[in-house]
């Protein structure tokens, strides 16, 4: 059974860093697009970043460019989201999602409608 499990969330002060992990089981991340999304209370789920596990190509939302870095480790079947210089507005539940293929073939790369498989999420709180 295909499963995604997020971890690494927590409470951090503004300006701090966290690294989220998205571990896949039940399938091999050889040819998938993996996206990171977030949902703050009372807001819609929004895309943050995505990566092609086949060639490592990446895409970012403007709100996180220069602060977040997405990466994959195919040997560990895991995708990471390194988050630096965190801001209070980054507070949200973060989810990873997967769709077989490459981000190059996805028109709306950070749309929730493009992804088939979802994890349960991990809470990130940025507060002093």
N, C-alpha and C. Protein backbone atom coordinates (compact mmCIF):
# COMPACT_ATOMS: atom_id res chain seq x y z
N UNK A 1 0.83 -1.18 0.00
CA UNK A 1 0.00 0.00 0.00
C UNK A 1 0.88 1.24 0.00
N UNK A 2 0.61 2.14 -0.92
CA UNK A 2 1.40 3.36 -1.05
C UNK A 2 1.10 4.29 0.11
N UNK A 3 2.17 4.75 0.79
CA UNK A 3 2.00 5.60 1.96
C UNK A 3 3.09 6.66 2.00
N UNK A 4 2.70 7.86 2.44
CA UNK A 4 3.64 8.95 2.67
C UNK A 4 3.52 9.37 4.12
N UNK A 5 4.67 9.54 4.78
CA UNK A 5 4.67 9.94 6.18
C UNK A 5 5.60 11.13 6.36
N UNK A 6 5.03 12.23 6.84
CA UNK A 6 5.81 13.43 7.10
C UNK A 6 6.32 13.42 8.54
N UNK A 7 7.46 14.06 8.74
CA UNK A 7 8.02 14.24 10.08
C UNK A 7 8.91 15.46 10.08
N UNK A 8 9.30 15.91 11.29
CA UNK A 8 10.24 17.01 11.40
C UNK A 8 9.64 18.34 11.80
N UNK A 9 8.33 18.39 11.92
CA UNK A 9 7.70 19.63 12.32
C UNK A 9 7.96 19.96 13.78
N UNK A 10 7.57 21.16 14.18
CA UNK A 10 7.76 21.56 15.56
C UNK A 10 7.59 23.04 15.74
N UNK A 11 8.01 23.51 16.92
CA UNK A 11 7.95 24.93 17.25
C UNK A 11 9.33 25.54 17.08
N UNK A 12 9.40 26.65 16.36
CA UNK A 12 10.67 27.31 16.12
C UNK A 12 10.47 28.82 16.18
N UNK A 13 11.49 29.53 16.58
CA UNK A 13 11.40 31.00 16.64
C UNK A 13 11.56 31.60 15.24
N UNK A 14 11.05 32.79 15.05
CA UNK A 14 11.26 33.47 13.76
C UNK A 14 12.75 33.57 13.45
N UNK A 15 13.07 33.31 12.19
CA UNK A 15 14.46 33.28 11.77
C UNK A 15 15.12 31.93 11.90
N UNK A 16 14.44 31.00 12.54
CA UNK A 16 14.99 29.67 12.74
C UNK A 16 14.80 28.76 11.54
N UNK A 17 15.22 27.50 11.71
CA UNK A 17 15.18 26.53 10.61
C UNK A 17 14.56 25.22 11.08
N UNK A 18 13.98 24.51 10.12
CA UNK A 18 13.48 23.16 10.34
C UNK A 18 13.70 22.38 9.05
N UNK A 19 13.86 21.07 9.18
CA UNK A 19 13.90 20.21 8.01
C UNK A 19 12.79 19.17 8.11
N UNK A 20 11.90 19.21 7.16
CA UNK A 20 10.81 18.23 7.09
C UNK A 20 11.22 17.06 6.21
N UNK A 21 10.73 15.90 6.58
CA UNK A 21 10.97 14.69 5.79
C UNK A 21 9.65 14.10 5.32
N UNK A 22 9.67 13.52 4.15
CA UNK A 22 8.52 12.82 3.58
C UNK A 22 9.02 11.44 3.17
N UNK A 23 8.70 10.44 3.97
CA UNK A 23 9.17 9.08 3.71
C UNK A 23 8.08 8.29 3.00
N UNK A 24 8.47 7.66 1.89
CA UNK A 24 7.52 6.88 1.11
C UNK A 24 7.67 5.39 1.40
N UNK A 25 6.57 4.69 1.45
CA UNK A 25 6.59 3.24 1.59
C UNK A 25 5.54 2.64 0.68
N UNK A 26 5.77 1.40 0.27
CA UNK A 26 4.84 0.74 -0.63
C UNK A 26 5.09 1.04 -2.09
N UNK A 27 6.03 1.93 -2.38
CA UNK A 27 6.42 2.22 -3.75
C UNK A 27 7.81 2.84 -3.73
N UNK A 28 8.47 2.84 -4.88
CA UNK A 28 9.82 3.39 -5.00
C UNK A 28 9.76 4.74 -5.68
N UNK A 29 10.44 5.71 -5.10
CA UNK A 29 10.42 7.07 -5.64
C UNK A 29 11.37 7.21 -6.82
N UNK A 30 11.17 6.40 -7.84
CA UNK A 30 12.07 6.47 -8.98
C UNK A 30 11.59 7.46 -10.04
N UNK A 31 10.29 7.57 -10.19
CA UNK A 31 9.73 8.45 -11.22
C UNK A 31 8.44 9.06 -10.70
N UNK A 32 8.59 9.97 -9.76
CA UNK A 32 7.45 10.64 -9.17
C UNK A 32 7.71 12.14 -9.03
N UNK A 33 6.65 12.89 -9.06
CA UNK A 33 6.69 14.28 -8.64
C UNK A 33 6.19 14.30 -7.20
N UNK A 34 6.99 14.90 -6.33
CA UNK A 34 6.63 15.03 -4.92
C UNK A 34 6.46 16.50 -4.61
N UNK A 35 5.34 16.84 -4.03
CA UNK A 35 5.08 18.22 -3.68
C UNK A 35 4.94 18.41 -2.18
N UNK A 36 5.34 19.57 -1.73
CA UNK A 36 5.08 19.98 -0.35
C UNK A 36 4.00 21.06 -0.38
N UNK A 37 3.02 20.90 0.49
CA UNK A 37 1.92 21.84 0.60
C UNK A 37 1.76 22.24 2.06
N UNK A 38 1.04 23.32 2.30
CA UNK A 38 0.78 23.72 3.67
C UNK A 38 -0.62 24.30 3.78
N UNK A 39 -1.17 24.17 4.98
CA UNK A 39 -2.50 24.71 5.23
C UNK A 39 -2.53 25.34 6.61
N UNK A 40 -2.77 26.65 6.61
CA UNK A 40 -2.90 27.40 7.86
C UNK A 40 -4.37 27.40 8.26
N UNK A 41 -4.65 27.61 9.54
CA UNK A 41 -6.04 27.62 10.01
C UNK A 41 -6.89 28.62 9.24
N UNK A 42 -8.02 28.17 8.74
CA UNK A 42 -8.93 29.05 8.04
C UNK A 42 -8.53 29.39 6.62
N UNK A 43 -7.46 28.79 6.14
CA UNK A 43 -6.99 29.07 4.78
C UNK A 43 -6.98 27.81 3.93
N UNK A 44 -6.95 28.01 2.63
CA UNK A 44 -6.87 26.88 1.72
C UNK A 44 -5.46 26.30 1.72
N UNK A 45 -5.39 25.02 1.36
CA UNK A 45 -4.09 24.38 1.23
C UNK A 45 -3.37 24.98 0.02
N UNK A 46 -2.09 25.33 0.21
CA UNK A 46 -1.33 25.95 -0.87
C UNK A 46 -0.04 25.18 -1.11
N UNK A 47 0.40 25.20 -2.37
CA UNK A 47 1.64 24.53 -2.74
C UNK A 47 2.84 25.37 -2.37
N UNK A 48 3.89 24.70 -1.91
CA UNK A 48 5.12 25.35 -1.48
C UNK A 48 6.26 25.06 -2.45
N UNK A 49 6.42 23.78 -2.77
CA UNK A 49 7.54 23.38 -3.63
C UNK A 49 7.28 21.97 -4.15
N UNK A 50 7.96 21.61 -5.22
CA UNK A 50 7.85 20.24 -5.74
C UNK A 50 9.16 19.85 -6.40
N UNK A 51 9.32 18.54 -6.57
CA UNK A 51 10.56 18.01 -7.13
C UNK A 51 10.27 16.77 -7.95
N UNK A 52 11.05 16.57 -8.98
CA UNK A 52 11.00 15.33 -9.75
C UNK A 52 12.05 14.39 -9.18
N UNK A 53 11.64 13.23 -8.74
CA UNK A 53 12.61 12.31 -8.15
C UNK A 53 13.53 11.70 -9.20
N UNK A 54 13.14 11.75 -10.47
CA UNK A 54 13.96 11.16 -11.52
C UNK A 54 15.20 11.99 -11.83
N UNK A 55 15.05 13.32 -11.87
CA UNK A 55 16.21 14.15 -12.24
C UNK A 55 16.49 15.27 -11.26
N UNK A 56 15.70 15.38 -10.20
CA UNK A 56 15.95 16.40 -9.19
C UNK A 56 15.50 17.80 -9.55
N UNK A 57 14.81 17.98 -10.65
CA UNK A 57 14.34 19.33 -11.00
C UNK A 57 13.33 19.81 -9.97
N UNK A 58 13.34 21.11 -9.71
CA UNK A 58 12.55 21.66 -8.62
C UNK A 58 11.74 22.87 -9.07
N UNK A 59 10.79 23.20 -8.23
CA UNK A 59 9.92 24.37 -8.48
C UNK A 59 9.48 24.89 -7.12
N UNK A 60 9.41 26.25 -7.00
CA UNK A 60 9.07 26.85 -5.72
C UNK A 60 7.99 27.92 -5.88
N UNK A 61 7.19 28.06 -4.85
CA UNK A 61 6.28 29.20 -4.77
C UNK A 61 7.11 30.45 -4.48
N UNK A 62 6.67 31.58 -4.98
CA UNK A 62 7.41 32.84 -4.77
C UNK A 62 7.60 33.14 -3.29
N UNK A 63 6.65 32.76 -2.48
CA UNK A 63 6.69 33.10 -1.05
C UNK A 63 7.82 32.42 -0.31
N UNK A 64 8.39 31.36 -0.88
CA UNK A 64 9.44 30.62 -0.16
C UNK A 64 10.77 30.59 -0.92
N UNK A 65 10.82 31.15 -2.10
CA UNK A 65 12.07 31.15 -2.87
C UNK A 65 13.18 31.81 -2.09
N UNK A 66 14.34 31.16 -2.09
CA UNK A 66 15.48 31.69 -1.37
C UNK A 66 15.51 31.31 0.10
N UNK A 67 14.41 30.76 0.63
CA UNK A 67 14.37 30.36 2.03
C UNK A 67 14.20 28.84 2.18
N UNK A 68 13.44 28.22 1.30
CA UNK A 68 13.17 26.78 1.37
C UNK A 68 13.93 26.07 0.26
N UNK A 69 14.37 24.86 0.57
CA UNK A 69 15.04 24.01 -0.42
C UNK A 69 14.47 22.61 -0.36
N UNK A 70 14.05 22.11 -1.50
CA UNK A 70 13.53 20.75 -1.58
C UNK A 70 14.60 19.85 -2.17
N UNK A 71 14.70 18.63 -1.65
CA UNK A 71 15.71 17.70 -2.13
C UNK A 71 15.20 16.28 -1.96
N UNK A 72 15.79 15.37 -2.73
CA UNK A 72 15.37 13.97 -2.58
C UNK A 72 16.58 13.08 -2.35
N UNK A 73 16.33 11.99 -1.65
CA UNK A 73 17.33 10.94 -1.44
C UNK A 73 16.65 9.64 -1.86
N UNK A 74 16.84 9.26 -3.09
CA UNK A 74 16.14 8.09 -3.62
C UNK A 74 16.56 6.81 -2.91
N UNK A 75 17.79 6.77 -2.43
CA UNK A 75 18.25 5.58 -1.71
C UNK A 75 17.46 5.38 -0.43
N UNK A 76 17.02 6.49 0.17
CA UNK A 76 16.23 6.42 1.41
C UNK A 76 14.74 6.55 1.13
N UNK A 77 14.40 6.68 -0.15
CA UNK A 77 12.98 6.82 -0.52
C UNK A 77 12.32 7.98 0.21
N UNK A 78 13.05 9.09 0.31
CA UNK A 78 12.62 10.22 1.13
C UNK A 78 12.87 11.54 0.40
N UNK A 79 11.94 12.46 0.59
CA UNK A 79 12.08 13.83 0.09
C UNK A 79 12.09 14.76 1.29
N UNK A 80 12.94 15.78 1.21
CA UNK A 80 13.12 16.71 2.32
C UNK A 80 12.70 18.12 1.92
N UNK A 81 12.33 18.89 2.92
CA UNK A 81 12.09 20.32 2.74
C UNK A 81 12.87 21.05 3.83
N UNK A 82 13.97 21.66 3.43
CA UNK A 82 14.77 22.47 4.35
C UNK A 82 14.18 23.87 4.38
N UNK A 83 13.80 24.33 5.56
CA UNK A 83 13.15 25.63 5.70
C UNK A 83 14.02 26.52 6.57
N UNK A 84 14.52 27.59 5.99
CA UNK A 84 15.37 28.54 6.71
C UNK A 84 14.68 29.89 6.81
N UNK A 85 15.18 30.71 7.73
CA UNK A 85 14.63 32.05 7.92
C UNK A 85 13.10 32.01 8.04
N UNK A 86 12.62 31.15 8.89
CA UNK A 86 11.18 30.96 9.02
C UNK A 86 10.50 32.20 9.58
N UNK A 87 9.28 32.43 9.11
CA UNK A 87 8.49 33.58 9.50
C UNK A 87 7.18 33.10 10.15
N UNK A 88 6.56 33.93 10.95
CA UNK A 88 5.29 33.52 11.56
C UNK A 88 4.24 33.10 10.53
N UNK A 89 4.27 33.71 9.36
CA UNK A 89 3.31 33.35 8.32
C UNK A 89 3.57 32.00 7.69
N UNK A 90 4.69 31.36 8.05
CA UNK A 90 4.95 29.99 7.58
C UNK A 90 4.26 28.95 8.47
N UNK A 91 3.65 29.41 9.55
CA UNK A 91 2.95 28.49 10.45
C UNK A 91 1.80 27.80 9.73
N UNK A 92 1.80 26.47 9.77
CA UNK A 92 0.79 25.69 9.06
C UNK A 92 1.03 24.21 9.30
N UNK A 93 0.09 23.40 8.88
CA UNK A 93 0.32 21.96 8.77
C UNK A 93 0.91 21.73 7.38
N UNK A 94 2.04 21.03 7.34
CA UNK A 94 2.72 20.78 6.08
C UNK A 94 2.47 19.34 5.65
N UNK A 95 2.11 19.19 4.38
CA UNK A 95 1.80 17.89 3.80
C UNK A 95 2.71 17.62 2.61
N UNK A 96 3.06 16.37 2.41
CA UNK A 96 3.69 15.99 1.15
C UNK A 96 2.69 15.16 0.34
N UNK A 97 2.88 15.21 -0.96
CA UNK A 97 1.97 14.53 -1.88
C UNK A 97 2.75 14.00 -3.07
N UNK A 98 2.19 13.00 -3.75
CA UNK A 98 2.91 12.37 -4.85
C UNK A 98 2.00 12.11 -6.03
N UNK A 99 2.61 12.17 -7.21
CA UNK A 99 1.96 11.77 -8.45
C UNK A 99 3.03 11.15 -9.32
N UNK A 100 2.71 10.04 -9.96
CA UNK A 100 3.72 9.38 -10.79
C UNK A 100 4.00 10.26 -12.00
N UNK A 101 5.30 10.44 -12.28
CA UNK A 101 5.70 11.25 -13.42
C UNK A 101 6.74 12.27 -13.05
N UNK A 102 6.76 13.37 -13.78
CA UNK A 102 7.75 14.43 -13.61
C UNK A 102 7.04 15.76 -13.48
N UNK A 103 7.64 16.70 -12.76
CA UNK A 103 7.02 18.01 -12.63
C UNK A 103 6.96 18.71 -13.99
N UNK A 104 7.81 18.31 -14.93
CA UNK A 104 7.79 18.92 -16.25
C UNK A 104 6.48 18.66 -16.98
N UNK A 105 5.80 17.59 -16.61
CA UNK A 105 4.55 17.24 -17.29
C UNK A 105 3.32 17.75 -16.54
N UNK A 106 3.53 18.43 -15.44
CA UNK A 106 2.42 18.95 -14.64
C UNK A 106 2.24 20.42 -14.96
N UNK A 107 1.07 20.78 -15.44
CA UNK A 107 0.83 22.17 -15.81
C UNK A 107 0.77 23.07 -14.57
N UNK A 108 -0.03 22.64 -13.61
CA UNK A 108 -0.17 23.42 -12.37
C UNK A 108 0.62 22.70 -11.29
N UNK A 109 1.89 23.00 -11.24
CA UNK A 109 2.84 22.22 -10.44
C UNK A 109 2.55 22.24 -8.95
N UNK A 110 1.90 23.29 -8.47
CA UNK A 110 1.63 23.40 -7.04
C UNK A 110 0.12 23.39 -6.75
N UNK A 111 -0.61 22.74 -7.63
CA UNK A 111 -2.05 22.60 -7.41
C UNK A 111 -2.34 21.28 -6.71
N UNK A 112 -3.18 21.34 -5.68
CA UNK A 112 -3.51 20.11 -4.95
C UNK A 112 -4.22 19.11 -5.85
N UNK A 113 -4.86 19.57 -6.92
CA UNK A 113 -5.62 18.69 -7.79
C UNK A 113 -4.73 17.79 -8.65
N UNK A 114 -3.45 18.13 -8.74
CA UNK A 114 -2.55 17.38 -9.60
C UNK A 114 -1.96 16.15 -8.92
N UNK A 115 -2.12 16.01 -7.62
CA UNK A 115 -1.44 14.96 -6.85
C UNK A 115 -2.44 13.93 -6.34
N UNK A 116 -2.02 12.67 -6.41
CA UNK A 116 -2.92 11.56 -6.08
C UNK A 116 -2.79 11.05 -4.65
N UNK A 117 -1.58 11.09 -4.11
CA UNK A 117 -1.33 10.46 -2.81
C UNK A 117 -0.87 11.51 -1.82
N UNK A 118 -1.39 11.41 -0.60
CA UNK A 118 -1.13 12.44 0.42
C UNK A 118 -0.74 11.82 1.75
N UNK A 119 0.15 12.52 2.45
CA UNK A 119 0.46 12.15 3.82
C UNK A 119 -0.52 12.79 4.79
N UNK A 120 -0.29 12.54 6.08
CA UNK A 120 -1.19 13.04 7.12
C UNK A 120 -0.81 14.42 7.63
N UNK A 121 0.38 14.88 7.34
CA UNK A 121 0.79 16.22 7.71
C UNK A 121 1.61 16.29 8.99
N UNK A 122 2.38 17.38 9.10
CA UNK A 122 3.17 17.67 10.30
C UNK A 122 3.06 19.15 10.60
N UNK A 123 2.88 19.47 11.88
CA UNK A 123 2.63 20.87 12.26
C UNK A 123 3.94 21.64 12.37
N UNK A 124 3.96 22.82 11.77
CA UNK A 124 5.07 23.76 11.92
C UNK A 124 4.52 25.04 12.52
N UNK A 125 5.10 25.45 13.64
CA UNK A 125 4.68 26.68 14.31
C UNK A 125 5.89 27.58 14.47
N UNK A 126 5.77 28.79 13.93
CA UNK A 126 6.85 29.78 14.03
C UNK A 126 6.36 30.89 14.94
N UNK A 127 6.96 30.96 16.10
CA UNK A 127 6.50 31.93 17.10
C UNK A 127 7.60 32.19 18.12
N UNK A 128 7.62 33.42 18.62
CA UNK A 128 8.57 33.77 19.67
C UNK A 128 7.93 33.58 21.04
